[in-house]
């Protein structure tokens, strides 16, 4: 009987603490730090994707695909402290007529996840060159899953 009561009290305490965390959590806007935004040549063979980099190995695999000229235009260093930060990156499709701009318009931390809102902005162009829009930012490290919208 004592064991059953102890287990019940422990379960009740855990339930109450979770409930308090849920009640006290307020959604927050995360202000990202820009790493880079612009156009790749399309020859880098980076698939169109929304990706989160949690470690330097995965990040370095992508960096190695980008030519040095483009890397020189990154606003922030490509050396990231992955103990403190994680990267959010969006790579659009490769287009022969660059008419879309890609933009991470907002990042919000919710109770159970981090939501990244991505916008494609149509901007007509008469250029006929292969390009791939991208946008890369860093945010504080989190164990919450990242969801792209």
N, C-alpha and C. Protein backbone atom coordinates (compact mmCIF):
# COMPACT_ATOMS: atom_id res chain seq x y z
N UNK A 1 0.82 -1.19 0.00
CA UNK A 1 0.00 0.00 0.00
C UNK A 1 0.86 1.25 0.00
N UNK A 2 1.95 1.24 0.81
CA UNK A 2 2.83 2.38 0.88
C UNK A 2 3.46 2.68 -0.48
N UNK A 3 3.86 1.62 -1.19
CA UNK A 3 4.48 1.76 -2.50
C UNK A 3 3.51 2.40 -3.50
N UNK A 4 2.26 1.99 -3.46
CA UNK A 4 1.24 2.52 -4.36
C UNK A 4 1.02 4.00 -4.08
N UNK A 5 0.95 4.39 -2.82
CA UNK A 5 0.74 5.80 -2.45
C UNK A 5 1.94 6.62 -2.88
N UNK A 6 3.18 6.11 -2.66
CA UNK A 6 4.39 6.83 -3.04
C UNK A 6 4.42 7.06 -4.55
N UNK A 7 4.07 6.03 -5.30
CA UNK A 7 4.06 6.16 -6.76
C UNK A 7 3.02 7.19 -7.21
N UNK A 8 1.86 7.17 -6.55
CA UNK A 8 0.80 8.12 -6.89
C UNK A 8 1.24 9.55 -6.60
N UNK A 9 1.88 9.77 -5.45
CA UNK A 9 2.36 11.11 -5.08
C UNK A 9 3.41 11.58 -6.08
N UNK A 10 4.34 10.71 -6.43
CA UNK A 10 5.37 11.06 -7.40
C UNK A 10 4.74 11.42 -8.75
N UNK A 11 3.80 10.62 -9.21
CA UNK A 11 3.12 10.88 -10.48
C UNK A 11 2.38 12.21 -10.42
N UNK A 12 1.73 12.48 -9.29
CA UNK A 12 1.00 13.73 -9.11
C UNK A 12 1.95 14.93 -9.16
N UNK A 13 3.11 14.81 -8.52
CA UNK A 13 4.10 15.89 -8.53
C UNK A 13 4.64 16.14 -9.94
N UNK A 14 4.94 15.08 -10.66
CA UNK A 14 5.42 15.23 -12.04
C UNK A 14 4.35 15.87 -12.90
N UNK A 15 3.13 15.43 -12.77
CA UNK A 15 2.02 15.99 -13.56
C UNK A 15 1.84 17.46 -13.26
N UNK A 16 1.94 17.83 -11.99
CA UNK A 16 1.77 19.23 -11.61
C UNK A 16 2.89 20.10 -12.16
N UNK A 17 4.13 19.59 -12.12
CA UNK A 17 5.24 20.40 -12.62
C UNK A 17 5.13 20.57 -14.13
N UNK A 18 4.71 19.55 -14.87
CA UNK A 18 4.51 19.68 -16.31
C UNK A 18 3.40 20.67 -16.60
N UNK A 19 2.34 20.58 -15.84
CA UNK A 19 1.21 21.48 -16.02
C UNK A 19 1.63 22.93 -15.78
N UNK A 20 2.44 23.16 -14.77
CA UNK A 20 2.92 24.50 -14.46
C UNK A 20 3.79 25.03 -15.59
N UNK A 21 4.68 24.16 -16.14
CA UNK A 21 5.52 24.57 -17.26
C UNK A 21 4.65 24.97 -18.45
N UNK A 22 3.64 24.19 -18.74
CA UNK A 22 2.74 24.47 -19.86
C UNK A 22 2.01 25.78 -19.66
N UNK A 23 1.52 25.99 -18.47
CA UNK A 23 0.77 27.22 -18.18
C UNK A 23 1.66 28.45 -18.21
N UNK A 24 2.92 28.30 -17.82
CA UNK A 24 3.81 29.45 -17.73
C UNK A 24 4.56 29.75 -19.02
N UNK A 25 4.49 28.88 -20.01
CA UNK A 25 5.23 29.10 -21.24
C UNK A 25 4.54 30.15 -22.11
N UNK A 26 5.33 31.07 -22.62
CA UNK A 26 4.84 32.09 -23.54
C UNK A 26 5.59 31.94 -24.86
N UNK A 27 4.86 31.88 -25.96
CA UNK A 27 5.51 31.82 -27.27
C UNK A 27 6.42 33.03 -27.43
N UNK A 28 7.57 32.79 -28.06
CA UNK A 28 8.55 33.86 -28.21
C UNK A 28 9.03 33.94 -29.64
N UNK A 29 9.24 35.16 -30.09
CA UNK A 29 9.85 35.37 -31.39
C UNK A 29 11.36 35.25 -31.20
N UNK A 30 11.99 34.50 -32.07
CA UNK A 30 13.44 34.35 -32.04
C UNK A 30 14.03 35.29 -33.10
N UNK A 31 14.97 36.11 -32.68
CA UNK A 31 15.63 37.00 -33.62
C UNK A 31 16.90 36.30 -34.13
N UNK A 32 16.88 35.86 -35.38
CA UNK A 32 18.04 35.12 -35.90
C UNK A 32 19.19 36.05 -36.26
N UNK A 33 20.38 35.47 -36.33
CA UNK A 33 21.56 36.19 -36.79
C UNK A 33 21.84 35.72 -38.21
N UNK A 34 21.90 36.68 -39.13
CA UNK A 34 22.11 36.35 -40.55
C UNK A 34 23.51 35.78 -40.76
N UNK A 35 23.57 34.63 -41.40
CA UNK A 35 24.84 34.05 -41.83
C UNK A 35 25.07 34.43 -43.29
N UNK A 36 24.06 34.19 -44.12
CA UNK A 36 24.19 34.54 -45.54
C UNK A 36 22.83 34.46 -46.21
N UNK A 37 22.69 35.28 -47.25
CA UNK A 37 21.47 35.29 -48.05
C UNK A 37 21.87 35.73 -49.45
N UNK A 38 21.38 35.02 -50.44
CA UNK A 38 21.74 35.41 -51.80
C UNK A 38 21.46 34.31 -52.80
N UNK A 39 22.35 34.24 -53.79
CA UNK A 39 22.18 33.28 -54.87
C UNK A 39 23.43 32.43 -55.04
N UNK A 40 23.20 31.16 -55.20
CA UNK A 40 24.26 30.25 -55.61
C UNK A 40 24.17 30.12 -57.13
N UNK A 41 25.15 29.49 -57.73
CA UNK A 41 25.17 29.36 -59.18
C UNK A 41 24.31 28.22 -59.69
N UNK A 42 23.92 27.32 -58.80
CA UNK A 42 23.13 26.17 -59.22
C UNK A 42 23.98 24.96 -59.53
N UNK A 43 25.28 25.16 -59.66
CA UNK A 43 26.18 24.04 -59.97
C UNK A 43 26.75 23.40 -58.70
N UNK A 44 26.37 23.90 -57.55
CA UNK A 44 26.89 23.37 -56.28
C UNK A 44 26.28 22.02 -55.90
N UNK A 45 25.21 21.66 -56.59
CA UNK A 45 24.50 20.40 -56.32
C UNK A 45 23.93 20.33 -54.91
N UNK A 46 23.40 21.44 -54.43
CA UNK A 46 22.69 21.46 -53.16
C UNK A 46 21.21 21.31 -53.49
N UNK A 47 20.61 20.28 -52.96
CA UNK A 47 19.20 20.02 -53.23
C UNK A 47 18.31 21.11 -52.66
N UNK A 48 17.17 21.39 -53.30
CA UNK A 48 16.21 22.32 -52.70
C UNK A 48 15.74 21.71 -51.37
N UNK A 49 15.90 22.47 -50.30
CA UNK A 49 15.57 21.92 -49.00
C UNK A 49 15.50 22.98 -47.92
N UNK A 50 14.80 22.63 -46.87
CA UNK A 50 14.80 23.37 -45.61
C UNK A 50 15.54 22.47 -44.65
N UNK A 51 16.59 22.98 -44.04
CA UNK A 51 17.44 22.11 -43.23
C UNK A 51 17.88 22.82 -41.95
N UNK A 52 18.08 22.02 -40.90
CA UNK A 52 18.63 22.51 -39.65
C UNK A 52 19.98 21.83 -39.46
N UNK A 53 21.01 22.63 -39.21
CA UNK A 53 22.35 22.10 -38.94
C UNK A 53 22.58 22.14 -37.44
N UNK A 54 22.82 20.96 -36.87
CA UNK A 54 23.06 20.85 -35.44
C UNK A 54 24.53 20.61 -35.11
N UNK A 55 25.35 20.34 -36.14
CA UNK A 55 26.75 20.04 -35.89
C UNK A 55 27.63 20.51 -37.04
N UNK A 56 28.91 20.65 -36.74
CA UNK A 56 29.84 21.18 -37.74
C UNK A 56 30.09 20.23 -38.90
N UNK A 57 29.98 18.93 -38.68
CA UNK A 57 30.23 17.97 -39.77
C UNK A 57 29.23 18.17 -40.90
N UNK A 58 27.95 18.22 -40.56
CA UNK A 58 26.92 18.43 -41.59
C UNK A 58 27.06 19.80 -42.23
N UNK A 59 27.33 20.82 -41.42
CA UNK A 59 27.49 22.19 -41.93
C UNK A 59 28.69 22.26 -42.87
N UNK A 60 29.80 21.65 -42.49
CA UNK A 60 31.00 21.68 -43.33
C UNK A 60 30.79 20.96 -44.66
N UNK A 61 29.98 19.91 -44.67
CA UNK A 61 29.66 19.23 -45.93
C UNK A 61 28.99 20.19 -46.90
N UNK A 62 28.10 21.04 -46.41
CA UNK A 62 27.44 22.04 -47.26
C UNK A 62 28.41 23.14 -47.66
N UNK A 63 29.18 23.64 -46.71
CA UNK A 63 30.14 24.71 -46.98
C UNK A 63 31.13 24.29 -48.07
N UNK A 64 31.54 23.04 -48.05
CA UNK A 64 32.49 22.54 -49.05
C UNK A 64 31.92 22.54 -50.46
N UNK A 65 30.60 22.58 -50.60
CA UNK A 65 29.97 22.63 -51.92
C UNK A 65 29.90 24.05 -52.48
N UNK A 66 30.00 25.04 -51.61
CA UNK A 66 29.85 26.44 -52.03
C UNK A 66 31.22 27.01 -52.38
N UNK A 67 31.30 27.69 -53.52
CA UNK A 67 32.59 28.22 -53.97
C UNK A 67 33.07 29.36 -53.06
N UNK A 68 34.37 29.59 -53.08
CA UNK A 68 35.00 30.58 -52.20
C UNK A 68 34.50 32.00 -52.45
N UNK A 69 34.17 32.32 -53.68
CA UNK A 69 33.65 33.66 -53.99
C UNK A 69 32.36 33.92 -53.22
N UNK A 70 31.46 32.95 -53.23
CA UNK A 70 30.19 33.09 -52.50
C UNK A 70 30.42 33.13 -51.00
N UNK A 71 31.33 32.28 -50.51
CA UNK A 71 31.61 32.25 -49.07
C UNK A 71 32.16 33.58 -48.58
N UNK A 72 32.90 34.29 -49.42
CA UNK A 72 33.45 35.59 -49.04
C UNK A 72 32.34 36.61 -48.78
N UNK A 73 31.17 36.38 -49.35
CA UNK A 73 30.06 37.31 -49.17
C UNK A 73 29.17 36.97 -47.97
N UNK A 74 29.50 35.91 -47.22
CA UNK A 74 28.73 35.59 -46.03
C UNK A 74 28.93 36.71 -45.01
N UNK A 75 27.85 37.14 -44.37
CA UNK A 75 27.94 38.26 -43.43
C UNK A 75 28.51 37.85 -42.09
N UNK A 76 28.40 36.60 -41.77
CA UNK A 76 28.86 36.06 -40.48
C UNK A 76 29.87 34.95 -40.79
N UNK A 77 30.74 34.69 -39.87
CA UNK A 77 31.72 33.62 -40.08
C UNK A 77 31.01 32.28 -40.31
N UNK A 78 31.64 31.41 -41.06
CA UNK A 78 31.07 30.07 -41.28
C UNK A 78 31.44 29.12 -40.14
N UNK A 79 32.32 29.58 -39.24
CA UNK A 79 32.68 28.79 -38.05
C UNK A 79 31.63 29.05 -36.99
N UNK A 80 30.85 28.04 -36.67
CA UNK A 80 29.72 28.18 -35.75
C UNK A 80 29.98 27.34 -34.50
N UNK A 81 29.70 27.90 -33.34
CA UNK A 81 29.79 27.17 -32.09
C UNK A 81 28.49 26.39 -31.92
N UNK A 82 28.50 25.11 -32.30
CA UNK A 82 27.29 24.30 -32.26
C UNK A 82 26.90 23.87 -30.85
N UNK A 83 27.70 24.22 -29.86
CA UNK A 83 27.28 24.01 -28.47
C UNK A 83 26.30 25.10 -28.06
N UNK A 84 26.35 26.24 -28.75
CA UNK A 84 25.53 27.40 -28.41
C UNK A 84 24.45 27.67 -29.45
N UNK A 85 24.74 27.39 -30.71
CA UNK A 85 23.83 27.73 -31.81
C UNK A 85 23.48 26.53 -32.67
N UNK A 86 22.43 26.69 -33.45
CA UNK A 86 22.10 25.79 -34.54
C UNK A 86 21.77 26.67 -35.74
N UNK A 87 21.92 26.12 -36.93
CA UNK A 87 21.67 26.90 -38.15
C UNK A 87 20.37 26.45 -38.79
N UNK A 88 19.67 27.42 -39.35
CA UNK A 88 18.47 27.19 -40.14
C UNK A 88 18.82 27.63 -41.55
N UNK A 89 18.61 26.75 -42.52
CA UNK A 89 18.95 27.09 -43.91
C UNK A 89 17.82 26.69 -44.84
N UNK A 90 17.59 27.55 -45.82
CA UNK A 90 16.59 27.28 -46.85
C UNK A 90 17.30 27.44 -48.20
N UNK A 91 17.21 26.38 -49.00
CA UNK A 91 17.77 26.40 -50.36
C UNK A 91 16.62 26.17 -51.33
N UNK A 92 16.41 27.11 -52.24
CA UNK A 92 15.33 27.00 -53.21
C UNK A 92 15.77 26.12 -54.37
N UNK A 93 14.87 25.95 -55.32
CA UNK A 93 15.20 25.21 -56.54
C UNK A 93 16.16 26.04 -57.40
N UNK A 94 16.80 25.39 -58.34
CA UNK A 94 17.66 26.08 -59.31
C UNK A 94 16.76 26.54 -60.44
N UNK A 95 16.85 27.82 -60.78
CA UNK A 95 16.05 28.40 -61.86
C UNK A 95 16.95 29.00 -62.93
N UNK A 96 16.50 28.90 -64.17
CA UNK A 96 17.22 29.51 -65.28
C UNK A 96 16.81 30.96 -65.49
N UNK A 97 15.78 31.36 -64.82
CA UNK A 97 15.29 32.74 -64.88
C UNK A 97 14.97 33.12 -63.43
N UNK A 98 15.90 33.81 -62.76
CA UNK A 98 15.76 34.05 -61.32
C UNK A 98 14.61 35.00 -60.97
N UNK A 99 13.44 34.44 -60.76
CA UNK A 99 12.28 35.29 -60.48
C UNK A 99 11.78 35.17 -59.04
N UNK A 100 12.33 34.24 -58.27
CA UNK A 100 11.88 34.08 -56.89
C UNK A 100 12.99 34.42 -55.91
N UNK A 101 12.64 35.15 -54.88
CA UNK A 101 13.55 35.41 -53.78
C UNK A 101 13.05 34.58 -52.61
N UNK A 102 13.95 34.01 -51.85
CA UNK A 102 13.58 33.18 -50.71
C UNK A 102 13.89 33.97 -49.44
N UNK A 103 13.01 33.87 -48.45
CA UNK A 103 13.19 34.66 -47.24
C UNK A 103 12.67 33.89 -46.02
N UNK A 104 13.51 33.79 -44.99
CA UNK A 104 13.04 33.31 -43.70
C UNK A 104 12.44 34.53 -43.03
N UNK A 105 11.11 34.60 -43.00
CA UNK A 105 10.46 35.82 -42.53
C UNK A 105 10.26 35.88 -41.03
N UNK A 106 10.15 34.72 -40.37
CA UNK A 106 10.02 34.73 -38.91
C UNK A 106 10.37 33.37 -38.33
N UNK A 107 10.80 33.41 -37.08
CA UNK A 107 11.09 32.19 -36.32
C UNK A 107 10.47 32.37 -34.95
N UNK A 108 9.67 31.39 -34.53
CA UNK A 108 9.00 31.48 -33.24
C UNK A 108 9.21 30.21 -32.44
N UNK A 109 9.47 30.39 -31.16
CA UNK A 109 9.55 29.25 -30.27
C UNK A 109 8.20 29.05 -29.62
N UNK A 110 7.62 27.89 -29.83
CA UNK A 110 6.35 27.52 -29.24
C UNK A 110 6.62 26.53 -28.12
N UNK A 111 5.58 26.09 -27.45
CA UNK A 111 5.74 25.16 -26.34
C UNK A 111 6.45 23.88 -26.76
N UNK A 112 6.08 23.33 -27.92
CA UNK A 112 6.60 22.02 -28.32
C UNK A 112 7.55 22.04 -29.52
N UNK A 113 7.74 23.20 -30.16
CA UNK A 113 8.59 23.23 -31.35
C UNK A 113 9.04 24.65 -31.66
N UNK A 114 9.86 24.73 -32.68
CA UNK A 114 10.27 26.03 -33.23
C UNK A 114 9.71 26.07 -34.64
N UNK A 115 8.98 27.14 -34.95
CA UNK A 115 8.34 27.28 -36.25
C UNK A 115 9.10 28.31 -37.08
N UNK A 116 9.50 27.91 -38.28
CA UNK A 116 10.21 28.80 -39.20
C UNK A 116 9.27 29.08 -40.37
N UNK A 117 8.98 30.35 -40.60
CA UNK A 117 8.12 30.74 -41.72
C UNK A 117 9.00 31.18 -42.89
N UNK A 118 8.81 30.52 -44.03
CA UNK A 118 9.60 30.79 -45.23
C UNK A 118 8.68 31.39 -46.28
N UNK A 119 9.13 32.47 -46.89
CA UNK A 119 8.36 33.12 -47.97
C UNK A 119 9.13 33.04 -49.28
N UNK A 120 8.39 32.81 -50.35
CA UNK A 120 8.94 32.95 -51.70
C UNK A 120 8.34 34.23 -52.25
N UNK A 121 9.20 35.15 -52.62
CA UNK A 121 8.74 36.44 -53.12
C UNK A 121 9.03 36.51 -54.62
N UNK A 122 7.98 36.67 -55.40
CA UNK A 122 8.12 36.73 -56.85
C UNK A 122 8.63 38.10 -57.25
N UNK A 123 9.74 38.13 -57.98
CA UNK A 123 10.30 39.37 -58.51
C UNK A 123 10.71 39.10 -59.96
N UNK A 124 9.94 39.63 -60.91
CA UNK A 124 10.24 39.38 -62.32
C UNK A 124 11.67 39.79 -62.70
N UNK A 125 12.25 38.99 -63.57
CA UNK A 125 13.61 39.27 -64.03
C UNK A 125 13.73 38.84 -65.49
N UNK A 126 14.53 39.57 -66.24
CA UNK A 126 14.76 39.18 -67.63
C UNK A 126 16.08 38.41 -67.77
N UNK A 127 16.78 38.25 -66.65
CA UNK A 127 18.06 37.52 -66.67
C UNK A 127 17.82 36.06 -67.04
N UNK A 128 18.77 35.49 -67.73
CA UNK A 128 18.69 34.07 -68.08
C UNK A 128 19.96 33.37 -67.61
N UNK A 129 20.12 33.35 -66.33
CA UNK A 129 21.29 32.73 -65.73
C UNK A 129 20.80 31.75 -64.66
N UNK A 130 21.51 30.65 -64.51
CA UNK A 130 21.13 29.65 -63.50
C UNK A 130 21.47 30.18 -62.11
N UNK A 131 20.47 30.19 -61.23
CA UNK A 131 20.70 30.61 -59.85
C UNK A 131 19.86 29.77 -58.90
N UNK A 132 20.32 29.75 -57.65
CA UNK A 132 19.60 29.07 -56.59
C UNK A 132 19.61 29.98 -55.36
N UNK A 133 18.45 30.48 -55.02
CA UNK A 133 18.33 31.36 -53.85
C UNK A 133 18.53 30.57 -52.56
N UNK A 134 19.13 31.24 -51.58
CA UNK A 134 19.30 30.61 -50.28
C UNK A 134 19.25 31.66 -49.17
N UNK A 135 18.96 31.21 -47.96
CA UNK A 135 18.93 32.07 -46.78
C UNK A 135 19.36 31.20 -45.60
N UNK A 136 20.40 31.64 -44.87
CA UNK A 136 20.94 30.87 -43.75
C UNK A 136 21.05 31.79 -42.53
N UNK A 137 20.52 31.34 -41.40
CA UNK A 137 20.59 32.11 -40.15
C UNK A 137 21.01 31.18 -39.01
N UNK A 138 21.44 31.80 -37.92
CA UNK A 138 21.71 30.99 -36.73
C UNK A 138 20.82 31.47 -35.60
N UNK A 139 20.44 30.50 -34.76
CA UNK A 139 19.59 30.78 -33.61
C UNK A 139 20.18 30.02 -32.41
N UNK A 140 19.77 30.40 -31.20
CA UNK A 140 20.25 29.66 -30.03
C UNK A 140 19.87 28.18 -30.13
N UNK A 141 20.76 27.32 -29.67
CA UNK A 141 20.54 25.87 -29.72
C UNK A 141 19.29 25.51 -28.92
N UNK A 142 18.54 24.55 -29.45
CA UNK A 142 17.33 24.09 -28.78
C UNK A 142 17.15 22.60 -29.05
N UNK A 143 16.52 21.92 -28.12
CA UNK A 143 16.22 20.50 -28.32
C UNK A 143 14.84 20.31 -28.96
N UNK A 144 14.13 21.41 -29.19
CA UNK A 144 12.79 21.32 -29.78
C UNK A 144 12.90 21.06 -31.29
N UNK A 145 11.97 20.29 -31.83
CA UNK A 145 11.98 20.08 -33.28
C UNK A 145 11.66 21.37 -34.03
N UNK A 146 12.23 21.50 -35.22
CA UNK A 146 12.00 22.68 -36.06
C UNK A 146 11.02 22.31 -37.15
N UNK A 147 9.99 23.13 -37.30
CA UNK A 147 8.96 22.92 -38.31
C UNK A 147 8.99 24.10 -39.27
N UNK A 148 9.03 23.80 -40.56
CA UNK A 148 9.03 24.85 -41.58
C UNK A 148 7.63 25.03 -42.13
N UNK A 149 7.23 26.28 -42.32
CA UNK A 149 5.92 26.60 -42.91
C UNK A 149 6.12 27.44 -44.15
